[in-house]
């Protein structure tokens, strides 16, 4: 018993010697997923640090299996709601003996917490969102069409301000685990190429027309060596996914079937994910999967292309026909006459890219 006590004390002492970095990013799903490759590299390359990620409980599975990482769940509906809740959040975090505070969100809530930590002599740094460059990229007049820094490089810069250089040029990803038992009611052992398709996004301007997506799914499903998994969420999306499935036996609708940790497990077994400019693309990329993305009103030049993907995996709408693209950073801005911009991406182009990728892996 005494022996166990001293071992536990030794563990605590070793943890106390580590530099403790708190990384704050509450939402959205894709933005939280984009922190994962950088955080994973930070911990791997700096054995003298430990990290606490501050985010919403739903995103906790993103960080499973990362050494020296703890997850702090923010309760924005009760304990941490409103200004008094922010004070409680700061008090809760301060008890963790924080050495550094990295604000990967840089919104009012995180700015207040960051300011409070700064007054208590904790070294702080915040994400530069590059708003001016994004305005230049998306404006109609005098558009500056050039690649902006990626979110991943922005996270690197934020950590660099705290004194931690992070190299993400040669990333390491978690090994592919066994398929979870709860997935086996939907899929058998992998004997075909597995393609994930996530056809939805938060805004309509980023969604590939469903009649064209239907053609993509139908053409891929003709190949008996391909199994397609459809991802989404919510009753409306589930209904649409079931329509996209049709009577194709090798198309499986996963939306609403399993919890996030099981969905992540399935994604790790995919050969490639097809997604819009949306969270599913970033989830697959953080797990080291190949990701093909389709872009309408938005554009990868804004810095939100999935992690570690070749440029030609981003298939964009035709700027010769729609020269004002990109018209929006996030897709929340509609421009008259640009409703059909994504129709310039042909289903055959999409299918060809996916087939090229899975054939390359043979």
Protein backbone atom coordinates (compact mmCIF):
# COMPACT_ATOMS: atom_id res chain seq x y z
CA UNK A 1 0.00 0.00 0.00
CA UNK A 2 2.84 2.38 0.92
CA UNK A 3 4.67 1.35 -2.21
CA UNK A 4 1.64 2.27 -4.33
CA UNK A 5 1.37 5.63 -2.56
CA UNK A 6 4.94 6.59 -3.37
CA UNK A 7 4.51 5.52 -7.00
CA UNK A 8 1.46 7.77 -7.25
CA UNK A 9 3.37 10.66 -5.69
CA UNK A 10 6.19 10.13 -8.17
CA UNK A 11 3.70 10.32 -11.04
CA UNK A 12 2.23 13.55 -9.66
CA UNK A 13 5.72 15.05 -9.26
CA UNK A 14 6.66 14.19 -12.81
CA UNK A 15 3.44 15.75 -14.11
CA UNK A 16 4.14 18.92 -12.11
CA UNK A 17 7.51 19.26 -13.82
CA UNK A 18 5.86 19.46 -17.23
CA UNK A 19 4.98 22.82 -18.76
CA UNK A 20 1.21 23.04 -18.86
CA UNK A 21 -0.41 24.58 -21.95
CA UNK A 22 -4.14 25.22 -22.03
CA UNK A 23 -5.54 25.37 -25.58
CA UNK A 24 -8.96 26.98 -25.94
CA UNK A 25 -11.25 26.22 -28.88
CA UNK A 26 -14.97 25.68 -28.37
CA UNK A 27 -16.46 25.34 -31.87
CA UNK A 28 -17.27 24.64 -34.70
CA UNK A 29 -16.72 20.94 -35.36
CA UNK A 30 -14.35 21.44 -38.28
CA UNK A 31 -12.40 24.15 -36.48
CA UNK A 32 -11.90 21.92 -33.44
CA UNK A 33 -10.82 19.04 -35.69
CA UNK A 34 -8.24 21.32 -37.33
CA UNK A 35 -6.49 21.80 -33.98
CA UNK A 36 -5.81 18.07 -33.59
CA UNK A 37 -2.85 17.59 -35.99
CA UNK A 38 -1.06 20.61 -34.53
CA UNK A 39 -1.69 19.56 -30.92
CA UNK A 40 -0.57 16.02 -31.69
CA UNK A 41 2.68 17.35 -33.20
CA UNK A 42 3.19 19.77 -30.28
CA UNK A 43 3.05 16.96 -27.72
CA UNK A 44 5.21 14.62 -29.79
CA UNK A 45 7.93 17.22 -30.39
CA UNK A 46 7.93 18.68 -26.87
CA UNK A 47 8.19 15.91 -24.28
CA UNK A 48 8.41 18.54 -21.54
CA UNK A 49 4.82 19.75 -22.03
CA UNK A 50 1.33 18.57 -21.22
CA UNK A 51 -1.82 20.00 -22.77
CA UNK A 52 -5.35 20.62 -21.59
CA UNK A 53 -7.83 21.19 -24.40
CA UNK A 54 -10.79 23.37 -23.42
CA UNK A 55 -13.80 22.66 -25.62
CA UNK A 56 -17.31 21.22 -25.72
CA UNK A 57 -17.83 17.70 -24.40
CA UNK A 58 -19.09 16.47 -27.79
CA UNK A 59 -15.60 16.94 -29.27
CA UNK A 60 -13.75 14.94 -26.60
CA UNK A 61 -13.39 11.81 -28.82
CA UNK A 62 -11.28 13.87 -31.26
CA UNK A 63 -8.46 13.82 -28.72
CA UNK A 64 -8.66 10.23 -27.50
CA UNK A 65 -5.35 8.40 -27.35
CA UNK A 66 -3.09 11.47 -27.33
CA UNK A 67 -0.46 11.20 -24.59
CA UNK A 68 -0.15 13.94 -21.98
CA UNK A 69 -3.44 15.47 -23.02
CA UNK A 70 -6.39 16.20 -20.77
CA UNK A 71 -9.79 17.43 -21.86
CA UNK A 72 -11.74 20.12 -20.01
CA UNK A 73 -15.43 20.27 -20.92
CA UNK A 74 -17.02 23.71 -20.95
CA UNK A 75 -20.63 23.74 -19.73
CA UNK A 76 -21.98 26.75 -21.65
CA UNK A 77 -25.60 25.97 -20.74
CA UNK A 78 -25.22 25.87 -16.95
CA UNK A 79 -22.02 26.27 -14.94
CA UNK A 80 -20.15 28.39 -17.49
CA UNK A 81 -23.11 30.31 -18.92
CA UNK A 82 -23.01 34.12 -19.10
CA UNK A 83 -20.51 36.49 -17.54
CA UNK A 84 -20.61 34.87 -14.11
CA UNK A 85 -20.13 31.55 -15.83
CA UNK A 86 -17.01 32.92 -17.51
CA UNK A 87 -15.66 33.89 -14.11
CA UNK A 88 -16.31 30.36 -12.89
CA UNK A 89 -14.62 28.97 -16.02
CA UNK A 90 -11.54 31.05 -15.33
CA UNK A 91 -11.52 29.92 -11.70
CA UNK A 92 -11.89 26.28 -12.74
CA UNK A 93 -9.04 26.55 -15.24
CA UNK A 94 -6.76 28.47 -12.89
CA UNK A 95 -6.87 25.53 -10.47
CA UNK A 96 -5.10 23.45 -13.11
CA UNK A 97 -1.81 25.32 -12.55
CA UNK A 98 -1.59 26.78 -16.04
CA UNK A 99 1.74 27.98 -17.46
CA UNK A 100 0.57 29.00 -20.94
CA UNK A 101 -2.79 29.88 -22.47
CA UNK A 102 -3.20 29.45 -26.25
CA UNK A 103 -6.39 31.04 -27.54
CA UNK A 104 -7.18 29.17 -30.77
CA UNK A 105 -10.66 30.74 -30.91
CA UNK A 106 -10.17 34.47 -30.34
CA UNK A 107 -13.80 35.42 -29.69
CA UNK A 108 -15.21 37.49 -26.84
CA UNK A 109 -15.51 34.54 -24.45
CA UNK A 110 -11.92 33.40 -24.96
CA UNK A 111 -10.63 36.98 -24.99
CA UNK A 112 -11.99 37.55 -21.50
CA UNK A 113 -10.46 34.33 -20.18
CA UNK A 114 -7.19 35.20 -21.89
CA UNK A 115 -7.13 38.67 -20.32
CA UNK A 116 -7.74 37.20 -16.86
CA UNK A 117 -4.89 34.73 -17.27
CA UNK A 118 -2.60 37.52 -18.45
CA UNK A 119 -3.24 39.46 -15.23
CA UNK A 120 -2.13 36.39 -13.26
CA UNK A 121 1.24 36.26 -15.08
CA UNK A 122 0.35 33.34 -17.34
CA UNK A 123 1.93 33.70 -20.77
CA UNK A 124 -0.85 34.06 -23.37
CA UNK A 125 -1.14 34.12 -27.16
CA UNK A 126 -4.08 34.34 -29.55
CA UNK A 127 -4.91 33.16 -33.03
CA UNK A 128 -4.65 35.78 -35.78
CA UNK A 129 -7.69 35.15 -37.97
CA UNK A 130 -6.30 37.16 -40.89
CA UNK A 131 -9.56 39.01 -41.47
CA UNK A 132 -8.07 41.58 -43.84
CA UNK A 133 -6.69 38.95 -46.20
CA UNK A 134 -10.01 37.11 -46.21
CA UNK A 135 -11.86 40.31 -47.07
CA UNK A 136 -9.51 40.86 -50.00
CA UNK A 137 -10.02 37.28 -51.19
CA UNK A 138 -13.83 37.36 -51.11
CA UNK A 139 -14.68 40.93 -52.14
CA UNK A 140 -16.18 41.57 -55.58
CA UNK A 141 -14.02 44.54 -56.56
CA UNK A 142 -10.23 44.45 -56.61
CA UNK A 143 -10.22 40.84 -55.48
CA UNK A 144 -6.82 39.54 -54.35
CA UNK A 145 -6.93 35.90 -55.39
CA UNK A 146 -4.06 34.24 -53.54
CA UNK A 147 -3.46 31.50 -51.00
CA UNK A 148 -3.82 32.73 -47.43
CA UNK A 149 -2.10 31.11 -44.44
CA UNK A 150 -3.84 27.89 -43.43
CA UNK A 151 -5.52 27.45 -40.07
CA UNK A 152 -2.81 24.92 -39.25
CA UNK A 153 -0.03 27.45 -39.85
CA UNK A 154 -1.98 30.01 -37.82
CA UNK A 155 -2.07 27.55 -34.90
CA UNK A 156 1.67 27.00 -35.31
CA UNK A 157 2.25 30.75 -35.16
CA UNK A 158 0.12 31.03 -32.02
CA UNK A 159 2.18 28.36 -30.27
CA UNK A 160 5.40 29.96 -31.53
CA UNK A 161 4.41 33.15 -29.67
CA UNK A 162 4.46 31.05 -26.51
CA UNK A 163 7.91 29.70 -27.35
CA UNK A 164 6.93 26.34 -28.86
CA UNK A 165 7.95 25.60 -32.44
CA UNK A 166 5.87 22.88 -34.08
CA UNK A 167 6.67 21.10 -37.35
CA UNK A 168 3.69 19.56 -39.15
CA UNK A 169 5.47 18.78 -42.43
CA UNK A 170 5.78 15.07 -41.60
CA UNK A 171 2.72 14.22 -39.51
CA UNK A 172 2.13 11.00 -37.66
CA UNK A 173 -1.39 9.63 -37.38
CA UNK A 174 -2.95 7.08 -35.05
CA UNK A 175 -2.81 3.48 -36.26
CA UNK A 176 -6.04 2.02 -37.62
CA UNK A 177 -7.80 0.17 -34.78
CA UNK A 178 -10.05 -2.84 -35.02
CA UNK A 179 -13.57 -2.18 -36.17
CA UNK A 180 -15.75 -1.59 -33.12
CA UNK A 181 -18.35 -4.29 -32.35
CA UNK A 182 -21.27 -1.84 -32.67
CA UNK A 183 -20.32 -1.26 -36.31
CA UNK A 184 -20.52 -4.91 -37.29
CA UNK A 185 -24.28 -4.83 -37.58
CA UNK A 186 -23.84 -2.44 -40.52
CA UNK A 187 -20.60 -3.67 -42.12
CA UNK A 188 -18.70 -6.94 -42.48
CA UNK A 189 -14.96 -7.41 -42.63
CA UNK A 190 -13.40 -5.07 -45.15
CA UNK A 191 -13.12 -6.84 -48.51
CA UNK A 192 -13.89 -3.86 -50.77
CA UNK A 193 -12.75 -0.28 -51.15
CA UNK A 194 -14.55 1.87 -48.58
CA UNK A 195 -15.56 5.39 -49.62
CA UNK A 196 -17.19 7.80 -47.19
CA UNK A 197 -19.45 10.54 -48.54
CA UNK A 198 -20.61 13.49 -46.44
CA UNK A 199 -22.84 15.47 -48.83
CA UNK A 200 -24.01 18.25 -46.51
CA UNK A 201 -22.63 21.48 -45.04
CA UNK A 202 -23.90 24.23 -42.79
CA UNK A 203 -24.73 26.53 -45.72
CA UNK A 204 -26.41 25.72 -49.04
CA UNK A 205 -23.71 27.53 -51.03
CA UNK A 206 -21.27 24.77 -50.00
CA UNK A 207 -23.52 21.80 -50.84
CA UNK A 208 -23.04 19.94 -54.11
CA UNK A 209 -26.47 19.69 -55.82
CA UNK A 210 -28.11 16.48 -54.66
CA UNK A 211 -29.12 15.41 -58.16
CA UNK A 212 -25.45 15.51 -59.13
CA UNK A 213 -24.42 13.75 -55.92
CA UNK A 214 -26.96 11.08 -56.78
CA UNK A 215 -25.12 10.50 -60.07
CA UNK A 216 -21.81 10.21 -58.19
CA UNK A 217 -23.23 7.65 -55.76
CA UNK A 218 -24.99 5.64 -58.46
CA UNK A 219 -21.90 5.44 -60.65
CA UNK A 220 -19.64 4.41 -57.77
CA UNK A 221 -22.21 1.88 -56.54
CA UNK A 222 -22.13 0.10 -59.92
CA UNK A 223 -18.70 -1.15 -58.90
CA UNK A 224 -19.20 -4.19 -56.65
CA UNK A 225 -15.69 -3.68 -55.26
CA UNK A 226 -16.76 -0.42 -53.64
CA UNK A 227 -18.77 0.11 -50.46
CA UNK A 228 -20.11 3.60 -49.80
CA UNK A 229 -20.90 5.02 -46.36
CA UNK A 230 -23.11 8.11 -46.17
CA UNK A 231 -22.52 10.51 -43.26
CA UNK A 232 -24.71 13.27 -41.87
CA UNK A 233 -26.98 14.12 -38.95
CA UNK A 234 -30.48 15.21 -38.10
CA UNK A 235 -33.83 13.92 -39.35
CA UNK A 236 -33.83 15.97 -42.56
CA UNK A 237 -30.38 14.83 -43.60
CA UNK A 238 -31.11 11.21 -42.72
CA UNK A 239 -34.21 11.31 -44.94
CA UNK A 240 -32.20 12.75 -47.84
CA UNK A 241 -29.41 10.21 -47.34
CA UNK A 242 -31.90 7.37 -47.54
CA UNK A 243 -33.10 8.81 -50.83
CA UNK A 244 -29.52 9.00 -52.11
CA UNK A 245 -28.97 5.37 -51.13
CA UNK A 246 -31.85 4.16 -53.33
CA UNK A 247 -31.78 0.36 -53.59
CA UNK A 248 -27.99 0.12 -53.80
CA UNK A 249 -26.97 -2.73 -51.50
CA UNK A 250 -23.38 -1.48 -51.25
CA UNK A 251 -24.47 1.96 -49.96
CA UNK A 252 -24.85 2.24 -46.18
CA UNK A 253 -26.45 5.22 -44.42
CA UNK A 254 -24.54 5.78 -41.16
CA UNK A 255 -26.26 8.98 -40.03
CA UNK A 256 -28.01 8.52 -36.69
CA UNK A 257 -26.80 4.94 -36.32
CA UNK A 258 -23.83 5.21 -33.94
CA UNK A 259 -22.16 7.66 -31.56
CA UNK A 260 -19.25 9.88 -32.55
CA UNK A 261 -16.50 7.58 -31.24
CA UNK A 262 -17.80 4.72 -33.40
CA UNK A 263 -18.16 7.01 -36.40
CA UNK A 264 -14.53 8.06 -35.98
CA UNK A 265 -13.55 4.41 -35.81
CA UNK A 266 -15.34 3.72 -39.10
CA UNK A 267 -13.73 6.74 -40.77
CA UNK A 268 -10.30 5.36 -39.86
CA UNK A 269 -11.09 2.33 -42.04
CA UNK A 270 -12.06 4.36 -45.13
CA UNK A 271 -9.89 4.51 -48.21
CA UNK A 272 -11.09 8.03 -49.00
CA UNK A 273 -13.68 10.54 -47.79
CA UNK A 274 -15.67 12.77 -50.15
CA UNK A 275 -16.93 15.86 -48.38
CA UNK A 276 -18.01 19.41 -48.85
CA UNK A 277 -16.04 22.25 -47.26
CA UNK A 278 -17.30 21.00 -43.90
CA UNK A 279 -16.42 19.36 -40.59
CA UNK A 280 -16.40 15.81 -41.97
CA UNK A 281 -13.49 16.69 -44.24
CA UNK A 282 -11.42 17.88 -41.28
CA UNK A 283 -12.35 14.90 -39.12
CA UNK A 284 -11.19 12.46 -41.81
CA UNK A 285 -8.02 14.47 -42.42
CA UNK A 286 -7.08 14.62 -38.73
CA UNK A 287 -7.21 10.80 -38.76
CA UNK A 288 -4.81 10.65 -41.70
CA UNK A 289 -7.35 9.69 -44.35
CA UNK A 290 -7.37 10.87 -47.95
CA UNK A 291 -10.03 13.54 -48.42
CA UNK A 292 -11.57 14.89 -51.62
CA UNK A 293 -13.47 18.15 -51.08
CA UNK A 294 -15.93 20.03 -53.28
CA UNK A 295 -16.00 23.83 -53.13
CA UNK A 296 -18.74 26.23 -54.20
CA UNK A 297 -18.99 29.75 -52.77
CA UNK A 298 -15.90 29.11 -50.64
CA UNK A 299 -12.36 28.27 -51.72
CA UNK A 300 -9.34 26.45 -50.22
CA UNK A 301 -7.32 29.68 -50.60
CA UNK A 302 -9.12 30.99 -47.49
CA UNK A 303 -7.04 28.55 -45.45
CA UNK A 304 -9.59 25.87 -44.62
CA UNK A 305 -8.46 23.05 -46.91
CA UNK A 306 -8.24 19.73 -45.02
CA UNK A 307 -4.94 18.84 -43.40
CA UNK A 308 -2.14 17.21 -45.39
CA UNK A 309 -4.06 16.81 -48.66
CA UNK A 310 -2.71 17.40 -52.21
CA UNK A 311 -4.05 20.53 -53.86
CA UNK A 312 -5.80 18.53 -56.60
CA UNK A 313 -7.95 16.79 -53.97
CA UNK A 314 -9.78 20.13 -53.64
CA UNK A 315 -12.18 20.34 -56.59
CA UNK A 316 -13.44 23.89 -57.05
CA UNK A 317 -16.21 25.50 -59.08
CA UNK A 318 -15.26 27.12 -62.39
CA UNK A 319 -13.90 30.64 -61.80
CA UNK A 320 -13.88 31.38 -65.52
CA UNK A 321 -17.66 31.13 -65.50
CA UNK A 322 -18.03 32.54 -61.99
CA UNK A 323 -15.15 35.03 -61.60
CA UNK A 324 -16.32 36.45 -58.26
CA UNK A 325 -15.55 33.15 -56.50
CA UNK A 326 -14.88 32.81 -53.70
CA UNK A 327 -17.75 35.01 -52.57
CA UNK A 328 -17.58 33.97 -48.93
CA UNK A 329 -15.15 32.63 -46.35
CA UNK A 330 -17.67 30.43 -44.57
CA UNK A 331 -20.41 30.08 -47.20
CA UNK A 332 -22.94 32.24 -45.33
CA UNK A 333 -23.11 34.87 -48.08
CA UNK A 334 -25.22 34.31 -51.20
CA UNK A 335 -24.55 36.18 -54.45
CA UNK A 336 -27.28 36.50 -57.06
CA UNK A 337 -26.51 34.52 -60.18
CA UNK A 338 -24.05 32.21 -58.39
CA UNK A 339 -26.59 29.66 -57.18
CA UNK A 340 -25.43 27.09 -59.74
CA UNK A 341 -21.69 27.57 -59.36
CA UNK A 342 -21.14 24.02 -58.08
CA UNK A 343 -22.85 22.60 -61.15
CA UNK A 344 -19.63 23.38 -63.00
CA UNK A 345 -18.13 20.40 -61.13
CA UNK A 346 -19.21 17.36 -63.10
CA UNK A 347 -20.08 14.07 -61.36
CA UNK A 348 -17.62 12.34 -63.69
CA UNK A 349 -14.80 14.58 -62.45
CA UNK A 350 -15.64 13.64 -58.87
CA UNK A 351 -15.86 9.92 -59.63
CA UNK A 352 -12.64 9.95 -61.61
CA UNK A 353 -10.73 11.50 -58.72
CA UNK A 354 -12.08 8.99 -56.21
CA UNK A 355 -11.34 6.02 -58.49
CA UNK A 356 -7.87 7.40 -59.17
CA UNK A 357 -7.17 7.51 -55.44
CA UNK A 358 -8.38 4.01 -54.61
CA UNK A 359 -6.63 2.53 -57.64
CA UNK A 360 -3.39 4.21 -56.62
CA UNK A 361 -3.60 2.41 -53.27
CA UNK A 362 -3.80 -1.04 -54.84
